[in-house]
Amino acid sequence: MQPVAPVVPTTTIAVAPPPQPVVIPTPPPAAVPPAPKSTVSYGSCDDVRAAGAAPIHKGEPGYSTKLDRDKDGIACDK
């Protein structure tokens, strides 16, 4: 007969799963404020030319319909 090894009791340890990562929501990006409206204005096309700004296209700083005689969107072009 062969010798029998003694039975050693085993201990089972329950291991908890790792915690779930904490997700911190990021705030939405801040809105970019619109660019301020132009405060450039000219009294006449002579003033525009003296400032070296002629011609002025519609949407550009200093454009005004009072300076655009032919209403083509380009002030002080003539």
C-alpha atoms as a PDB file:
ATOM      1  CA  MET A   1       0.000   0.000   0.000  1.00  0.00           C
ATOM      2  CA  GLN A   2       1.271   3.485  -0.834  1.00  0.00           C
ATOM      3  CA  PRO A   3       1.263   6.256   1.699  1.00  0.00           C
ATOM      4  CA  VAL A   4      -1.559   8.718   1.329  1.00  0.00           C
ATOM      5  CA  ALA A   5      -0.690  12.386   1.461  1.00  0.00           C
ATOM      6  CA  PRO A   6      -2.560  14.288   4.077  1.00  0.00           C
ATOM      7  CA  VAL A   7      -5.427  16.428   2.831  1.00  0.00           C
ATOM      8  CA  VAL A   8      -4.727  20.104   3.336  1.00  0.00           C
ATOM      9  CA  PRO A   9      -7.804  22.253   3.712  1.00  0.00           C
ATOM     10  CA  THR A  10      -8.042  25.081   1.174  1.00  0.00           C
ATOM     11  CA  THR A  11      -9.463  28.488   1.767  1.00  0.00           C
ATOM     12  CA  THR A  12     -11.392  30.298  -0.946  1.00  0.00           C
ATOM     13  CA  ILE A  13     -11.215  34.063  -0.892  1.00  0.00           C
ATOM     14  CA  ALA A  14     -13.826  35.999  -2.829  1.00  0.00           C
ATOM     15  CA  VAL A  15     -12.252  38.865  -4.790  1.00  0.00           C
ATOM     16  CA  ALA A  16     -14.462  41.845  -5.562  1.00  0.00           C
ATOM     17  CA  PRO A  17     -14.387  43.065  -9.141  1.00  0.00           C
ATOM     18  CA  PRO A  18     -12.531  46.341  -9.714  1.00  0.00           C
ATOM     19  CA  PRO A  19     -14.706  49.444  -9.347  1.00  0.00           C
ATOM     20  CA  GLN A  20     -16.184  50.976 -12.481  1.00  0.00           C
ATOM     21  CA  PRO A  21     -14.433  54.149 -13.619  1.00  0.00           C
ATOM     22  CA  VAL A  22     -16.156  57.344 -12.583  1.00  0.00           C
ATOM     23  CA  VAL A  23     -17.178  59.363 -15.620  1.00  0.00           C
ATOM     24  CA  ILE A  24     -17.206  63.083 -14.958  1.00  0.00           C
ATOM     25  CA  PRO A  25     -19.159  64.895 -17.671  1.00  0.00           C
ATOM     26  CA  THR A  26     -17.318  67.767 -19.257  1.00  0.00           C
ATOM     27  CA  PRO A  27     -19.217  71.003 -19.733  1.00  0.00           C
ATOM     28  CA  PRO A  28     -19.935  72.055 -23.295  1.00  0.00           C
ATOM     29  CA  PRO A  29     -17.470  74.553 -24.738  1.00  0.00           C
ATOM     30  CA  ALA A  30     -18.270  78.163 -23.994  1.00  0.00           C
ATOM     31  CA  ALA A  31     -19.967  80.014 -26.796  1.00  0.00           C
ATOM     32  CA  VAL A  32     -17.716  82.441 -28.603  1.00  0.00           C
ATOM     33  CA  PRO A  33     -19.221  85.899 -28.386  1.00  0.00           C
ATOM     34  CA  PRO A  34     -19.884  87.506 -31.744  1.00  0.00           C
ATOM     35  CA  ALA A  35     -17.410  90.092 -32.908  1.00  0.00           C
ATOM     36  CA  PRO A  36     -18.528  93.581 -32.053  1.00  0.00           C
ATOM     37  CA  LYS A  37     -20.087  95.592 -34.830  1.00  0.00           C
ATOM     38  CA  SER A  38     -17.775  98.028 -36.514  1.00  0.00           C
ATOM     39  CA  THR A  39     -17.715 101.493 -35.073  1.00  0.00           C
ATOM     40  CA  VAL A  40     -15.910 102.877 -38.124  1.00  0.00           C
ATOM     41  CA  SER A  41     -17.954 105.425 -40.011  1.00  0.00           C
ATOM     42  CA  TYR A  42     -17.108 107.998 -42.606  1.00  0.00           C
ATOM     43  CA  GLY A  43     -18.889 111.250 -43.415  1.00  0.00           C
ATOM     44  CA  SER A  44     -17.973 111.200 -47.076  1.00  0.00           C
ATOM     45  CA  CYS A  45     -16.048 109.300 -49.696  1.00  0.00           C
ATOM     46  CA  ASP A  46     -13.324 111.949 -49.408  1.00  0.00           C
ATOM     47  CA  ASP A  47     -12.900 110.829 -45.781  1.00  0.00           C
ATOM     48  CA  VAL A  48     -12.765 107.177 -46.906  1.00  0.00           C
ATOM     49  CA  ARG A  49     -10.109 107.942 -49.501  1.00  0.00           C
ATOM     50  CA  ALA A  50      -8.096 110.035 -47.018  1.00  0.00           C
ATOM     51  CA  ALA A  51      -8.106 107.025 -44.657  1.00  0.00           C
ATOM     52  CA  GLY A  52      -6.914 104.781 -47.487  1.00  0.00           C
ATOM     53  CA  ALA A  53     -10.005 102.591 -47.140  1.00  0.00           C
ATOM     54  CA  ALA A  54     -11.650 103.076 -50.564  1.00  0.00           C
ATOM     55  CA  PRO A  55     -13.419 101.170 -51.958  1.00  0.00           C
ATOM     56  CA  ILE A  56     -15.500  99.679 -49.151  1.00  0.00           C
ATOM     57  CA  HIS A  57     -17.517  96.547 -49.886  1.00  0.00           C
ATOM     58  CA  LYS A  58     -20.834  95.758 -48.242  1.00  0.00           C
ATOM     59  CA  GLY A  59     -20.159  93.973 -44.941  1.00  0.00           C
ATOM     60  CA  GLU A  60     -16.772  95.608 -44.419  1.00  0.00           C
ATOM     61  CA  PRO A  61     -16.175  98.115 -41.611  1.00  0.00           C
ATOM     62  CA  GLY A  62     -17.255 101.617 -42.610  1.00  0.00           C
ATOM     63  CA  TYR A  63     -19.593 100.560 -45.421  1.00  0.00           C
ATOM     64  CA  SER A  64     -22.767 102.607 -45.583  1.00  0.00           C
ATOM     65  CA  THR A  65     -25.489 102.856 -48.189  1.00  0.00           C
ATOM     66  CA  LYS A  66     -25.116 106.671 -48.005  1.00  0.00           C
ATOM     67  CA  LEU A  67     -21.614 106.201 -49.450  1.00  0.00           C
ATOM     68  CA  ASP A  68     -22.775 103.725 -52.117  1.00  0.00           C
ATOM     69  CA  ARG A  69     -24.411 106.024 -54.674  1.00  0.00           C
ATOM     70  CA  ASP A  70     -25.136 103.371 -57.308  1.00  0.00           C
ATOM     71  CA  LYS A  71     -26.244 100.774 -54.697  1.00  0.00           C
ATOM     72  CA  ASP A  72     -23.980  98.044 -56.114  1.00  0.00           C
ATOM     73  CA  GLY A  73     -22.561  97.009 -52.734  1.00  0.00           C
ATOM     74  CA  ILE A  74     -19.308  98.901 -53.219  1.00  0.00           C
ATOM     75  CA  ALA A  75     -19.037 102.309 -51.599  1.00  0.00           C
ATOM     76  CA  CYS A  76     -16.656 105.014 -52.799  1.00  0.00           C
ATOM     77  CA  ASP A  77     -15.648 103.032 -55.866  1.00  0.00           C
ATOM     78  CA  LYS A  78     -15.706 106.005 -58.242  1.00  0.00           C
END
